[in-house]
C-alpha atoms as a PDB file:
ATOM      1  CA  UNK A   1       0.000   0.000   0.000  1.00  0.00           C
ATOM      2  CA  UNK A   2       1.434   3.360  -1.035  1.00  0.00           C
ATOM      3  CA  UNK A   3       1.831   6.348   1.296  1.00  0.00           C
ATOM      4  CA  UNK A   4      -0.348   9.438   0.716  1.00  0.00           C
ATOM      5  CA  UNK A   5       1.163  12.087  -1.561  1.00  0.00           C
ATOM      6  CA  UNK A   6       0.018  15.440  -2.913  1.00  0.00           C
ATOM      7  CA  UNK A   7      -0.480  16.849  -6.403  1.00  0.00           C
ATOM      8  CA  UNK A   8      -0.663  20.493  -7.509  1.00  0.00           C
ATOM      9  CA  UNK A   9      -0.512  22.246 -10.878  1.00  0.00           C
ATOM     10  CA  UNK A  10      -1.903  25.244 -12.752  1.00  0.00           C
ATOM     11  CA  UNK A  11      -3.895  24.812 -15.961  1.00  0.00           C
ATOM     12  CA  UNK A  12      -1.981  26.184 -18.944  1.00  0.00           C
ATOM     13  CA  UNK A  13      -3.745  27.874 -21.893  1.00  0.00           C
ATOM     14  CA  UNK A  14      -3.210  24.770 -24.057  1.00  0.00           C
ATOM     15  CA  UNK A  15      -4.882  22.610 -21.402  1.00  0.00           C
ATOM     16  CA  UNK A  16      -7.981  24.787 -20.981  1.00  0.00           C
ATOM     17  CA  UNK A  17     -11.218  23.049 -21.913  1.00  0.00           C
ATOM     18  CA  UNK A  18      -9.868  19.517 -21.417  1.00  0.00           C
ATOM     19  CA  UNK A  19     -11.561  17.145 -18.966  1.00  0.00           C
ATOM     20  CA  UNK A  20     -10.181  17.227 -15.444  1.00  0.00           C
ATOM     21  CA  UNK A  21      -9.629  13.458 -15.260  1.00  0.00           C
ATOM     22  CA  UNK A  22      -7.699  13.544 -18.557  1.00  0.00           C
ATOM     23  CA  UNK A  23      -5.510  16.424 -17.366  1.00  0.00           C
ATOM     24  CA  UNK A  24      -4.591  14.683 -14.111  1.00  0.00           C
ATOM     25  CA  UNK A  25      -3.940  11.436 -16.000  1.00  0.00           C
ATOM     26  CA  UNK A  26      -1.566  13.257 -18.338  1.00  0.00           C
ATOM     27  CA  UNK A  27       0.306  14.957 -15.492  1.00  0.00           C
ATOM     28  CA  UNK A  28       0.541  11.848 -13.317  1.00  0.00           C
ATOM     29  CA  UNK A  29       0.842   8.816 -15.629  1.00  0.00           C
ATOM     30  CA  UNK A  30       1.493   6.408 -12.753  1.00  0.00           C
ATOM     31  CA  UNK A  31      -2.132   6.887 -11.632  1.00  0.00           C
ATOM     32  CA  UNK A  32      -4.748   4.902 -13.517  1.00  0.00           C
ATOM     33  CA  UNK A  33      -7.710   6.726 -15.065  1.00  0.00           C
ATOM     34  CA  UNK A  34     -10.127   4.764 -12.840  1.00  0.00           C
ATOM     35  CA  UNK A  35      -8.277   5.847  -9.708  1.00  0.00           C
ATOM     36  CA  UNK A  36      -8.215   9.489 -10.827  1.00  0.00           C
ATOM     37  CA  UNK A  37     -11.944   9.554 -11.636  1.00  0.00           C
ATOM     38  CA  UNK A  38     -12.812   8.028  -8.285  1.00  0.00           C
ATOM     39  CA  UNK A  39     -10.637  10.492  -6.355  1.00  0.00           C
ATOM     40  CA  UNK A  40     -12.217  13.441  -8.188  1.00  0.00           C
ATOM     41  CA  UNK A  41     -15.713  12.185  -7.413  1.00  0.00           C
ATOM     42  CA  UNK A  42     -14.746  11.764  -3.744  1.00  0.00           C
ATOM     43  CA  UNK A  43     -13.377  15.328  -3.587  1.00  0.00           C
ATOM     44  CA  UNK A  44      -9.766  14.269  -3.022  1.00  0.00           C
ATOM     45  CA  UNK A  45      -8.791  16.186  -6.175  1.00  0.00           C
ATOM     46  CA  UNK A  46     -10.242  19.699  -6.511  1.00  0.00           C
ATOM     47  CA  UNK A  47     -10.118  22.767  -8.749  1.00  0.00           C
ATOM     48  CA  UNK A  48      -9.579  26.094  -6.992  1.00  0.00           C
ATOM     49  CA  UNK A  49     -10.358  24.291  -3.723  1.00  0.00           C
ATOM     50  CA  UNK A  50     -13.770  23.272  -5.042  1.00  0.00           C
ATOM     51  CA  UNK A  51     -14.926  19.677  -5.708  1.00  0.00           C
ATOM     52  CA  UNK A  52     -15.715  18.978  -9.330  1.00  0.00           C
ATOM     53  CA  UNK A  53     -16.796  16.083 -11.538  1.00  0.00           C
ATOM     54  CA  UNK A  54     -14.300  14.078 -13.672  1.00  0.00           C
ATOM     55  CA  UNK A  55     -15.761  15.629 -16.842  1.00  0.00           C
ATOM     56  CA  UNK A  56     -15.320  19.206 -15.566  1.00  0.00           C
ATOM     57  CA  UNK A  57     -13.218  21.348 -17.934  1.00  0.00           C
ATOM     58  CA  UNK A  58     -10.968  23.822 -16.088  1.00  0.00           C
ATOM     59  CA  UNK A  59     -10.018  27.199 -17.525  1.00  0.00           C
ATOM     60  CA  UNK A  60      -6.510  28.546 -17.989  1.00  0.00           C
ATOM     61  CA  UNK A  61      -5.110  29.646 -14.641  1.00  0.00           C
ATOM     62  CA  UNK A  62      -7.252  27.300 -12.564  1.00  0.00           C
ATOM     63  CA  UNK A  63      -5.326  25.546  -9.806  1.00  0.00           C
ATOM     64  CA  UNK A  64      -5.664  21.794  -9.341  1.00  0.00           C
ATOM     65  CA  UNK A  65      -4.712  20.305  -5.990  1.00  0.00           C
ATOM     66  CA  UNK A  66      -5.242  17.001  -4.294  1.00  0.00           C
ATOM     67  CA  UNK A  67      -4.057  14.435  -1.820  1.00  0.00           C
ATOM     68  CA  UNK A  68      -3.604  10.937  -3.192  1.00  0.00           C
ATOM     69  CA  UNK A  69      -4.320   8.518  -0.345  1.00  0.00           C
ATOM     70  CA  UNK A  70      -3.082   4.982   0.018  1.00  0.00           C
ATOM     71  CA  UNK A  71      -5.401   3.448  -2.573  1.00  0.00           C
ATOM     72  CA  UNK A  72      -6.041   0.240  -4.395  1.00  0.00           C
ATOM     73  CA  UNK A  73      -6.990   0.661  -8.039  1.00  0.00           C
ATOM     74  CA  UNK A  74     -10.448  -0.695  -8.787  1.00  0.00           C
ATOM     75  CA  UNK A  75      -9.049  -2.460 -11.831  1.00  0.00           C
ATOM     76  CA  UNK A  76      -6.336  -4.210  -9.818  1.00  0.00           C
ATOM     77  CA  UNK A  77      -7.922  -5.076  -6.483  1.00  0.00           C
ATOM     78  CA  UNK A  78      -6.964  -8.713  -6.827  1.00  0.00           C
ATOM     79  CA  UNK A  79      -3.732  -9.783  -5.190  1.00  0.00           C
ATOM     80  CA  UNK A  80      -0.826  -9.482  -7.588  1.00  0.00           C
ATOM     81  CA  UNK A  81       0.599 -12.965  -8.007  1.00  0.00           C
ATOM     82  CA  UNK A  82       4.231 -13.635  -8.935  1.00  0.00           C
ATOM     83  CA  UNK A  83       5.089 -15.170 -12.290  1.00  0.00           C
ATOM     84  CA  UNK A  84       8.542 -16.549 -13.061  1.00  0.00           C
ATOM     85  CA  UNK A  85       9.115 -14.618 -16.278  1.00  0.00           C
ATOM     86  CA  UNK A  86      12.770 -14.007 -17.180  1.00  0.00           C
ATOM     87  CA  UNK A  87      13.711 -10.339 -16.947  1.00  0.00           C
ATOM     88  CA  UNK A  88      16.339  -8.599 -19.059  1.00  0.00           C
ATOM     89  CA  UNK A  89      17.826  -6.235 -16.448  1.00  0.00           C
ATOM     90  CA  UNK A  90      19.662  -3.295 -18.031  1.00  0.00           C
ATOM     91  CA  UNK A  91      20.373  -1.385 -14.815  1.00  0.00           C
ATOM     92  CA  UNK A  92      19.704  -1.903 -11.124  1.00  0.00           C
ATOM     93  CA  UNK A  93      20.766  -0.365  -7.815  1.00  0.00           C
ATOM     94  CA  UNK A  94      19.095   0.343  -4.484  1.00  0.00           C
ATOM     95  CA  UNK A  95      16.777   3.031  -5.903  1.00  0.00           C
ATOM     96  CA  UNK A  96      15.579   1.831  -9.288  1.00  0.00           C
ATOM     97  CA  UNK A  97      15.927  -0.671 -12.069  1.00  0.00           C
ATOM     98  CA  UNK A  98      15.440  -0.610 -15.830  1.00  0.00           C
ATOM     99  CA  UNK A  99      14.173  -3.553 -17.863  1.00  0.00           C
ATOM    100  CA  UNK A 100      14.249  -4.336 -21.557  1.00  0.00           C
ATOM    101  CA  UNK A 101      10.599  -5.329 -22.018  1.00  0.00           C
ATOM    102  CA  UNK A 102      10.032  -7.936 -24.722  1.00  0.00           C
ATOM    103  CA  UNK A 103       7.245  -7.379 -27.246  1.00  0.00           C
ATOM    104  CA  UNK A 104       3.931  -9.097 -26.615  1.00  0.00           C
ATOM    105  CA  UNK A 105       3.996  -8.709 -22.820  1.00  0.00           C
ATOM    106  CA  UNK A 106       1.502  -6.450 -21.028  1.00  0.00           C
ATOM    107  CA  UNK A 107       3.041  -4.078 -18.465  1.00  0.00           C
ATOM    108  CA  UNK A 108       0.478  -4.413 -15.670  1.00  0.00           C
ATOM    109  CA  UNK A 109      -2.707  -6.436 -15.016  1.00  0.00           C
ATOM    110  CA  UNK A 110      -5.895  -5.357 -16.745  1.00  0.00           C
ATOM    111  CA  UNK A 111      -9.131  -7.082 -17.729  1.00  0.00           C
ATOM    112  CA  UNK A 112      -8.107 -10.090 -19.817  1.00  0.00           C
ATOM    113  CA  UNK A 113      -4.478  -9.905 -18.678  1.00  0.00           C
ATOM    114  CA  UNK A 114      -4.357 -10.779 -14.975  1.00  0.00           C
ATOM    115  CA  UNK A 115      -1.213 -12.922 -15.188  1.00  0.00           C
ATOM    116  CA  UNK A 116       2.044 -13.082 -17.147  1.00  0.00           C
ATOM    117  CA  UNK A 117       2.536  -9.302 -17.080  1.00  0.00           C
ATOM    118  CA  UNK A 118       5.693  -7.361 -16.301  1.00  0.00           C
ATOM    119  CA  UNK A 119       4.168  -6.509 -12.918  1.00  0.00           C
ATOM    120  CA  UNK A 120       3.755 -10.207 -12.110  1.00  0.00           C
ATOM    121  CA  UNK A 121       7.351 -10.799 -13.155  1.00  0.00           C
ATOM    122  CA  UNK A 122       8.608  -7.923 -11.000  1.00  0.00           C
ATOM    123  CA  UNK A 123       6.840  -9.251  -7.904  1.00  0.00           C
ATOM    124  CA  UNK A 124       8.462 -12.630  -8.485  1.00  0.00           C
ATOM    125  CA  UNK A 125      11.879 -11.015  -8.910  1.00  0.00           C
ATOM    126  CA  UNK A 126      11.567  -8.483  -6.068  1.00  0.00           C
ATOM    127  CA  UNK A 127       8.595  -9.215  -3.730  1.00  0.00           C
ATOM    128  CA  UNK A 128       9.395  -6.051  -1.762  1.00  0.00           C
ATOM    129  CA  UNK A 129       8.238  -3.959  -4.747  1.00  0.00           C
ATOM    130  CA  UNK A 130       4.606  -4.723  -3.882  1.00  0.00           C
ATOM    131  CA  UNK A 131       3.095  -1.553  -2.416  1.00  0.00           C
ATOM    132  CA  UNK A 132       5.473   0.872  -4.132  1.00  0.00           C
ATOM    133  CA  UNK A 133       3.549   3.281  -6.304  1.00  0.00           C
ATOM    134  CA  UNK A 134      -0.094   4.242  -6.475  1.00  0.00           C
ATOM    135  CA  UNK A 135      -1.545   0.704  -6.589  1.00  0.00           C
ATOM    136  CA  UNK A 136      -0.545  -2.850  -5.750  1.00  0.00           C
ATOM    137  CA  UNK A 137      -1.000  -3.794  -9.410  1.00  0.00           C
ATOM    138  CA  UNK A 138       1.826  -1.596 -10.652  1.00  0.00           C
ATOM    139  CA  UNK A 139       4.793  -2.287  -8.340  1.00  0.00           C
ATOM    140  CA  UNK A 140       7.145   0.660  -8.788  1.00  0.00           C
ATOM    141  CA  UNK A 141       6.269   1.099 -12.474  1.00  0.00           C
ATOM    142  CA  UNK A 142       6.399   4.798 -13.307  1.00  0.00           C
ATOM    143  CA  UNK A 143       5.474   4.839 -17.016  1.00  0.00           C
ATOM    144  CA  UNK A 144       3.868   2.678 -19.682  1.00  0.00           C
ATOM    145  CA  UNK A 145       4.691   0.865 -22.892  1.00  0.00           C
ATOM    146  CA  UNK A 146       2.195  -0.679 -25.294  1.00  0.00           C
ATOM    147  CA  UNK A 147       1.955  -4.461 -25.199  1.00  0.00           C
ATOM    148  CA  UNK A 148       3.668  -4.879 -28.571  1.00  0.00           C
ATOM    149  CA  UNK A 149       6.288  -2.167 -28.086  1.00  0.00           C
ATOM    150  CA  UNK A 150       9.624  -3.425 -26.804  1.00  0.00           C
ATOM    151  CA  UNK A 151      12.277  -1.599 -24.830  1.00  0.00           C
ATOM    152  CA  UNK A 152      13.111   0.262 -21.648  1.00  0.00           C
ATOM    153  CA  UNK A 153      10.721   0.149 -18.697  1.00  0.00           C
ATOM    154  CA  UNK A 154      11.772   2.149 -15.634  1.00  0.00           C
ATOM    155  CA  UNK A 155      10.861   0.878 -12.142  1.00  0.00           C
ATOM    156  CA  UNK A 156      11.281   2.537  -8.732  1.00  0.00           C
ATOM    157  CA  UNK A 157      12.439   0.367  -5.827  1.00  0.00           C
ATOM    158  CA  UNK A 158      11.345   2.692  -3.011  1.00  0.00           C
ATOM    159  CA  UNK A 159       8.472   5.072  -2.357  1.00  0.00           C
ATOM    160  CA  UNK A 160      10.837   8.047  -2.359  1.00  0.00           C
ATOM    161  CA  UNK A 161      12.326   6.980  -5.697  1.00  0.00           C
ATOM    162  CA  UNK A 162       8.825   6.532  -7.127  1.00  0.00           C
ATOM    163  CA  UNK A 163       7.850  10.091  -6.200  1.00  0.00           C
ATOM    164  CA  UNK A 164      11.152  11.463  -7.544  1.00  0.00           C
ATOM    165  CA  UNK A 165      10.823   9.702 -10.907  1.00  0.00           C
ATOM    166  CA  UNK A 166       7.145  10.617 -11.239  1.00  0.00           C
ATOM    167  CA  UNK A 167       8.084  14.250 -10.654  1.00  0.00           C
ATOM    168  CA  UNK A 168      10.629  14.039 -13.496  1.00  0.00           C
ATOM    169  CA  UNK A 169       8.022  12.587 -15.844  1.00  0.00           C
ATOM    170  CA  UNK A 170       5.574  15.308 -14.795  1.00  0.00           C
ATOM    171  CA  UNK A 171       8.186  18.023 -15.474  1.00  0.00           C
ATOM    172  CA  UNK A 172       9.039  16.319 -18.799  1.00  0.00           C
ATOM    173  CA  UNK A 173      12.736  16.341 -17.997  1.00  0.00           C
ATOM    174  CA  UNK A 174      13.209  12.635 -18.669  1.00  0.00           C
ATOM    175  CA  UNK A 175      14.581  12.113 -22.172  1.00  0.00           C
ATOM    176  CA  UNK A 176      13.193   9.126 -24.069  1.00  0.00           C
ATOM    177  CA  UNK A 177      14.157   8.011 -27.563  1.00  0.00           C
ATOM    178  CA  UNK A 178      12.534   5.317 -29.669  1.00  0.00           C
ATOM    179  CA  UNK A 179      13.411   3.453 -32.845  1.00  0.00           C
ATOM    180  CA  UNK A 180      10.712   2.731 -35.383  1.00  0.00           C
ATOM    181  CA  UNK A 181      10.748   0.970 -38.724  1.00  0.00           C
ATOM    182  CA  UNK A 182       8.299   2.687 -41.069  1.00  0.00           C
ATOM    183  CA  UNK A 183       6.877   2.432 -44.544  1.00  0.00           C
ATOM    184  CA  UNK A 184       7.911   5.247 -46.852  1.00  0.00           C
ATOM    185  CA  UNK A 185      10.691   7.784 -47.168  1.00  0.00           C
ATOM    186  CA  UNK A 186      10.369  11.197 -45.484  1.00  0.00           C
ATOM    187  CA  UNK A 187      11.429  14.077 -47.691  1.00  0.00           C
ATOM    188  CA  UNK A 188      13.856  15.461 -45.103  1.00  0.00           C
ATOM    189  CA  UNK A 189      16.218  13.813 -42.631  1.00  0.00           C
ATOM    190  CA  UNK A 190      14.744  15.517 -39.565  1.00  0.00           C
ATOM    191  CA  UNK A 191      11.382  16.883 -38.564  1.00  0.00           C
ATOM    192  CA  UNK A 192       9.083  17.976 -35.757  1.00  0.00           C
ATOM    193  CA  UNK A 193       5.427  17.106 -35.279  1.00  0.00           C
ATOM    194  CA  UNK A 194       3.233  19.402 -33.182  1.00  0.00           C
ATOM    195  CA  UNK A 195      -0.193  17.829 -33.544  1.00  0.00           C
ATOM    196  CA  UNK A 196      -2.638  17.293 -30.658  1.00  0.00           C
ATOM    197  CA  UNK A 197      -3.854  13.776 -29.922  1.00  0.00           C
ATOM    198  CA  UNK A 198      -7.235  12.768 -28.530  1.00  0.00           C
ATOM    199  CA  UNK A 199      -9.535   9.807 -28.246  1.00  0.00           C
ATOM    200  CA  UNK A 200     -11.057   8.779 -31.576  1.00  0.00           C
ATOM    201  CA  UNK A 201     -14.650   9.962 -31.841  1.00  0.00           C
ATOM    202  CA  UNK A 202     -15.933   6.546 -32.982  1.00  0.00           C
ATOM    203  CA  UNK A 203     -13.368   3.986 -31.792  1.00  0.00           C
ATOM    204  CA  UNK A 204     -12.724   4.378 -28.054  1.00  0.00           C
ATOM    205  CA  UNK A 205      -9.606   2.199 -28.065  1.00  0.00           C
ATOM    206  CA  UNK A 206      -8.046   4.241 -30.843  1.00  0.00           C
ATOM    207  CA  UNK A 207      -6.405   7.664 -30.744  1.00  0.00           C
ATOM    208  CA  UNK A 208      -6.440  10.271 -33.491  1.00  0.00           C
ATOM    209  CA  UNK A 209      -4.361  13.319 -34.370  1.00  0.00           C
ATOM    210  CA  UNK A 210      -6.466  16.450 -34.758  1.00  0.00           C
ATOM    211  CA  UNK A 211      -6.979  19.952 -33.426  1.00  0.00           C
ATOM    212  CA  UNK A 212     -10.477  19.527 -32.012  1.00  0.00           C
ATOM    213  CA  UNK A 213     -10.921  21.005 -28.542  1.00  0.00           C
ATOM    214  CA  UNK A 214     -10.617  17.758 -26.565  1.00  0.00           C
ATOM    215  CA  UNK A 215      -7.294  16.772 -28.095  1.00  0.00           C
ATOM    216  CA  UNK A 216      -4.220  17.305 -25.928  1.00  0.00           C
ATOM    217  CA  UNK A 217      -0.940  18.876 -27.089  1.00  0.00           C
ATOM    218  CA  UNK A 218       1.582  16.335 -28.368  1.00  0.00           C
ATOM    219  CA  UNK A 219       5.102  16.956 -29.663  1.00  0.00           C
ATOM    220  CA  UNK A 220       7.395  14.484 -31.401  1.00  0.00           C
ATOM    221  CA  UNK A 221      10.740  15.126 -33.055  1.00  0.00           C
ATOM    222  CA  UNK A 222      12.202  12.599 -35.464  1.00  0.00           C
ATOM    223  CA  UNK A 223      15.248  11.954 -37.566  1.00  0.00           C
ATOM    224  CA  UNK A 224      16.223   9.369 -40.136  1.00  0.00           C
ATOM    225  CA  UNK A 225      18.632   6.697 -38.901  1.00  0.00           C
ATOM    226  CA  UNK A 226      18.836   4.591 -42.070  1.00  0.00           C
ATOM    227  CA  UNK A 227      17.083   4.753 -45.434  1.00  0.00           C
ATOM    228  CA  UNK A 228      16.316   1.384 -47.005  1.00  0.00           C
ATOM    229  CA  UNK A 229      14.399   0.465 -50.137  1.00  0.00           C
ATOM    230  CA  UNK A 230      10.908   1.971 -49.568  1.00  0.00           C
ATOM    231  CA  UNK A 231      11.199   1.775 -45.788  1.00  0.00           C
ATOM    232  CA  UNK A 232      13.074   3.844 -43.201  1.00  0.00           C
ATOM    233  CA  UNK A 233      14.512   3.313 -39.747  1.00  0.00           C
ATOM    234  CA  UNK A 234      13.517   6.373 -37.707  1.00  0.00           C
ATOM    235  CA  UNK A 235      14.566   7.763 -34.338  1.00  0.00           C
ATOM    236  CA  UNK A 236      11.892   9.530 -32.283  1.00  0.00           C
ATOM    237  CA  UNK A 237      12.089  11.776 -29.231  1.00  0.00           C
ATOM    238  CA  UNK A 238       8.853  12.643 -27.454  1.00  0.00           C
ATOM    239  CA  UNK A 239       8.349  15.698 -25.276  1.00  0.00           C
ATOM    240  CA  UNK A 240       4.851  14.630 -24.262  1.00  0.00           C
ATOM    241  CA  UNK A 241       3.671  11.106 -23.513  1.00  0.00           C
ATOM    242  CA  UNK A 242       0.243  10.649 -25.094  1.00  0.00           C
ATOM    243  CA  UNK A 243      -1.292   7.248 -25.666  1.00  0.00           C
ATOM    244  CA  UNK A 244       0.063   5.766 -28.927  1.00  0.00           C
ATOM    245  CA  UNK A 245       1.785   9.106 -29.633  1.00  0.00           C
ATOM    246  CA  UNK A 246       4.599   7.917 -31.909  1.00  0.00           C
ATOM    247  CA  UNK A 247       2.324   5.539 -33.793  1.00  0.00           C
ATOM    248  CA  UNK A 248      -0.283   8.259 -34.392  1.00  0.00           C
ATOM    249  CA  UNK A 249       2.226  10.973 -35.306  1.00  0.00           C
ATOM    250  CA  UNK A 250       4.244   8.741 -37.605  1.00  0.00           C
ATOM    251  CA  UNK A 251       1.092   7.790 -39.501  1.00  0.00           C
ATOM    252  CA  UNK A 252       0.165  11.484 -39.708  1.00  0.00           C
ATOM    253  CA  UNK A 253       3.319  12.220 -41.737  1.00  0.00           C
ATOM    254  CA  UNK A 254       2.612   9.263 -44.059  1.00  0.00           C
ATOM    255  CA  UNK A 255       5.294   7.079 -42.494  1.00  0.00           C
ATOM    256  CA  UNK A 256       3.216   4.490 -40.581  1.00  0.00           C
ATOM    257  CA  UNK A 257       5.007   2.043 -38.317  1.00  0.00           C
ATOM    258  CA  UNK A 258       5.455  -1.329 -40.011  1.00  0.00           C
ATOM    259  CA  UNK A 259       3.254  -3.976 -38.415  1.00  0.00           C
ATOM    260  CA  UNK A 260       0.915  -1.485 -36.722  1.00  0.00           C
ATOM    261  CA  UNK A 261      -2.541  -3.033 -37.083  1.00  0.00           C
ATOM    262  CA  UNK A 262      -4.327   0.059 -35.745  1.00  0.00           C
ATOM    263  CA  UNK A 263      -2.624   3.015 -37.438  1.00  0.00           C
ATOM    264  CA  UNK A 264      -0.615   1.302 -40.151  1.00  0.00           C
ATOM    265  CA  UNK A 265      -1.282   0.126 -43.681  1.00  0.00           C
ATOM    266  CA  UNK A 266      -4.465  -1.946 -43.711  1.00  0.00           C
ATOM    267  CA  UNK A 267      -3.438  -4.348 -46.479  1.00  0.00           C
ATOM    268  CA  UNK A 268       0.363  -4.611 -46.387  1.00  0.00           C
ATOM    269  CA  UNK A 269       0.430  -7.639 -48.711  1.00  0.00           C
ATOM    270  CA  UNK A 270      -1.328  -5.648 -51.412  1.00  0.00           C
ATOM    271  CA  UNK A 271       0.947  -2.663 -50.798  1.00  0.00           C
ATOM    272  CA  UNK A 272       4.020  -4.893 -51.178  1.00  0.00           C
ATOM    273  CA  UNK A 273       2.835  -7.058 -54.057  1.00  0.00           C
ATOM    274  CA  UNK A 274       5.220  -5.369 -56.501  1.00  0.00           C
ATOM    275  CA  UNK A 275       8.176  -5.755 -54.114  1.00  0.00           C
ATOM    276  CA  UNK A 276       8.641  -9.498 -53.491  1.00  0.00           C
ATOM    277  CA  UNK A 277      11.956  -9.201 -51.617  1.00  0.00           C
ATOM    278  CA  UNK A 278      10.584  -6.623 -49.217  1.00  0.00           C
ATOM    279  CA  UNK A 279       7.401  -8.639 -48.795  1.00  0.00           C
ATOM    280  CA  UNK A 280       9.486 -11.676 -47.890  1.00  0.00           C
ATOM    281  CA  UNK A 281      11.571  -9.701 -45.379  1.00  0.00           C
ATOM    282  CA  UNK A 282       8.410  -8.444 -43.673  1.00  0.00           C
ATOM    283  CA  UNK A 283       6.488 -11.720 -43.824  1.00  0.00           C
ATOM    284  CA  UNK A 284       7.158 -12.546 -40.168  1.00  0.00           C
ATOM    285  CA  UNK A 285       6.129  -9.152 -38.766  1.00  0.00           C
ATOM    286  CA  UNK A 286       3.142  -9.527 -36.421  1.00  0.00           C
ATOM    287  CA  UNK A 287       3.468  -6.419 -34.227  1.00  0.00           C
ATOM    288  CA  UNK A 288       4.452  -2.776 -34.574  1.00  0.00           C
ATOM    289  CA  UNK A 289       8.184  -2.358 -35.152  1.00  0.00           C
ATOM    290  CA  UNK A 290       8.648   0.171 -32.349  1.00  0.00           C
ATOM    291  CA  UNK A 291      11.304   0.041 -29.633  1.00  0.00           C
ATOM    292  CA  UNK A 292      11.918   2.224 -26.548  1.00  0.00           C
ATOM    293  CA  UNK A 293      15.629   2.583 -27.211  1.00  0.00           C
ATOM    294  CA  UNK A 294      17.224   5.091 -24.836  1.00  0.00           C
ATOM    295  CA  UNK A 295      16.356   6.926 -21.640  1.00  0.00           C
ATOM    296  CA  UNK A 296      18.123   9.630 -19.641  1.00  0.00           C
ATOM    297  CA  UNK A 297      16.994  10.669 -16.164  1.00  0.00           C
ATOM    298  CA  UNK A 298      18.342  11.935 -12.848  1.00  0.00           C
ATOM    299  CA  UNK A 299      19.068   9.260 -10.258  1.00  0.00           C
ATOM    300  CA  UNK A 300      16.388   9.431  -7.526  1.00  0.00           C
ATOM    301  CA  UNK A 301      18.965   9.448  -4.710  1.00  0.00           C
ATOM    302  CA  UNK A 302      22.032  11.220  -6.106  1.00  0.00           C
ATOM    303  CA  UNK A 303      20.574  13.373  -8.927  1.00  0.00           C
ATOM    304  CA  UNK A 304      23.404  12.099 -11.121  1.00  0.00           C
ATOM    305  CA  UNK A 305      22.389  11.721 -14.791  1.00  0.00           C
ATOM    306  CA  UNK A 306      21.732   8.094 -15.779  1.00  0.00           C
ATOM    307  CA  UNK A 307      21.793   7.018 -19.436  1.00  0.00           C
ATOM    308  CA  UNK A 308      20.487   3.606 -20.459  1.00  0.00           C
ATOM    309  CA  UNK A 309      20.207   1.958 -23.880  1.00  0.00           C
ATOM    310  CA  UNK A 310      18.238  -1.204 -24.675  1.00  0.00           C
ATOM    311  CA  UNK A 311      19.221  -3.568 -27.500  1.00  0.00           C
ATOM    312  CA  UNK A 312      16.544  -3.926 -30.174  1.00  0.00           C
ATOM    313  CA  UNK A 313      14.288  -6.968 -29.786  1.00  0.00           C
ATOM    314  CA  UNK A 314      15.395  -9.993 -31.872  1.00  0.00           C
ATOM    315  CA  UNK A 315      12.396  -9.928 -34.237  1.00  0.00           C
ATOM    316  CA  UNK A 316      12.928  -6.270 -35.107  1.00  0.00           C
ATOM    317  CA  UNK A 317      16.703  -6.749 -35.407  1.00  0.00           C
ATOM    318  CA  UNK A 318      16.093  -9.609 -37.839  1.00  0.00           C
ATOM    319  CA  UNK A 319      13.796  -7.475 -40.014  1.00  0.00           C
ATOM    320  CA  UNK A 320      16.302  -4.598 -40.098  1.00  0.00           C
ATOM    321  CA  UNK A 321      19.068  -7.026 -41.052  1.00  0.00           C
ATOM    322  CA  UNK A 322      17.038  -8.654 -43.822  1.00  0.00           C
ATOM    323  CA  UNK A 323      15.902  -5.327 -45.268  1.00  0.00           C
ATOM    324  CA  UNK A 324      19.504  -4.166 -45.290  1.00  0.00           C
ATOM    325  CA  UNK A 325      20.387  -6.911 -47.769  1.00  0.00           C
ATOM    326  CA  UNK A 326      17.753  -5.729 -50.292  1.00  0.00           C
ATOM    327  CA  UNK A 327      19.409  -3.616 -53.011  1.00  0.00           C
ATOM    328  CA  UNK A 328      17.881  -0.200 -53.716  1.00  0.00           C
ATOM    329  CA  UNK A 329      15.699   0.010 -56.780  1.00  0.00           C
END
């Protein structure tokens, strides 16, 4: 069970008109949306010292404050059971650890995924992590990765370290870089995407890039790592951390992530029918080719800068290797 901790922030002009529960979720990603909504309804999170509903839309300059009690997330009230899943430890000391998450593994329990998650594996590896963080279902986990995205997952090993790392994510001082293999060739070698992201109006599990008033600011910078024949290896750096941000933004510049079943090319076999060698190289791709590659943060105890890099997952490394052998047209 986590100790109580406080939150406080002022609504910026770009955040005005966005739902209160969405704003708090964006500022404090370690808290689940269910937990945030419940705390707002109970009055634990207020706007200008007044209780509000989760759907309330604050104005610029409004002040959001709250005390987060020792809570159990409604989605993870079941006891977190240990699972003996091998962990690829990139870094570990007394304050935190960093894992190289394999693709296909869910980070924390959710409906339909109660076992065999990274959280279950962490409890098996370090039982003392249970109770660190905002819920028992997310032991020390301070950020998220999609199920089919591989790469660095940062975990706090103490309550103080958890608060310190969460504060860095909130202040957006943690530097994260990703590698993505995309269809297409961008016209330039570098670029910047400033396009808000919000929940799709028709498909609730899908995000969309638009400038309608409920979308939240999202910024992604990118650069070309390697140009292949009709595909490109890209490096991304994200200033914000919206759901599916890189996948949505990459598709918005007509460079969808290869293997992305939600935002990518709908019929890749038809798209590749004139390119048999490329089609063969991509035949085994069954998930988005996206990897959380590097992270830089301040150590929670010493404030020394820590830089960590995660090797690319074997399936993505194999695809990059095979594509590299295809001669340019």
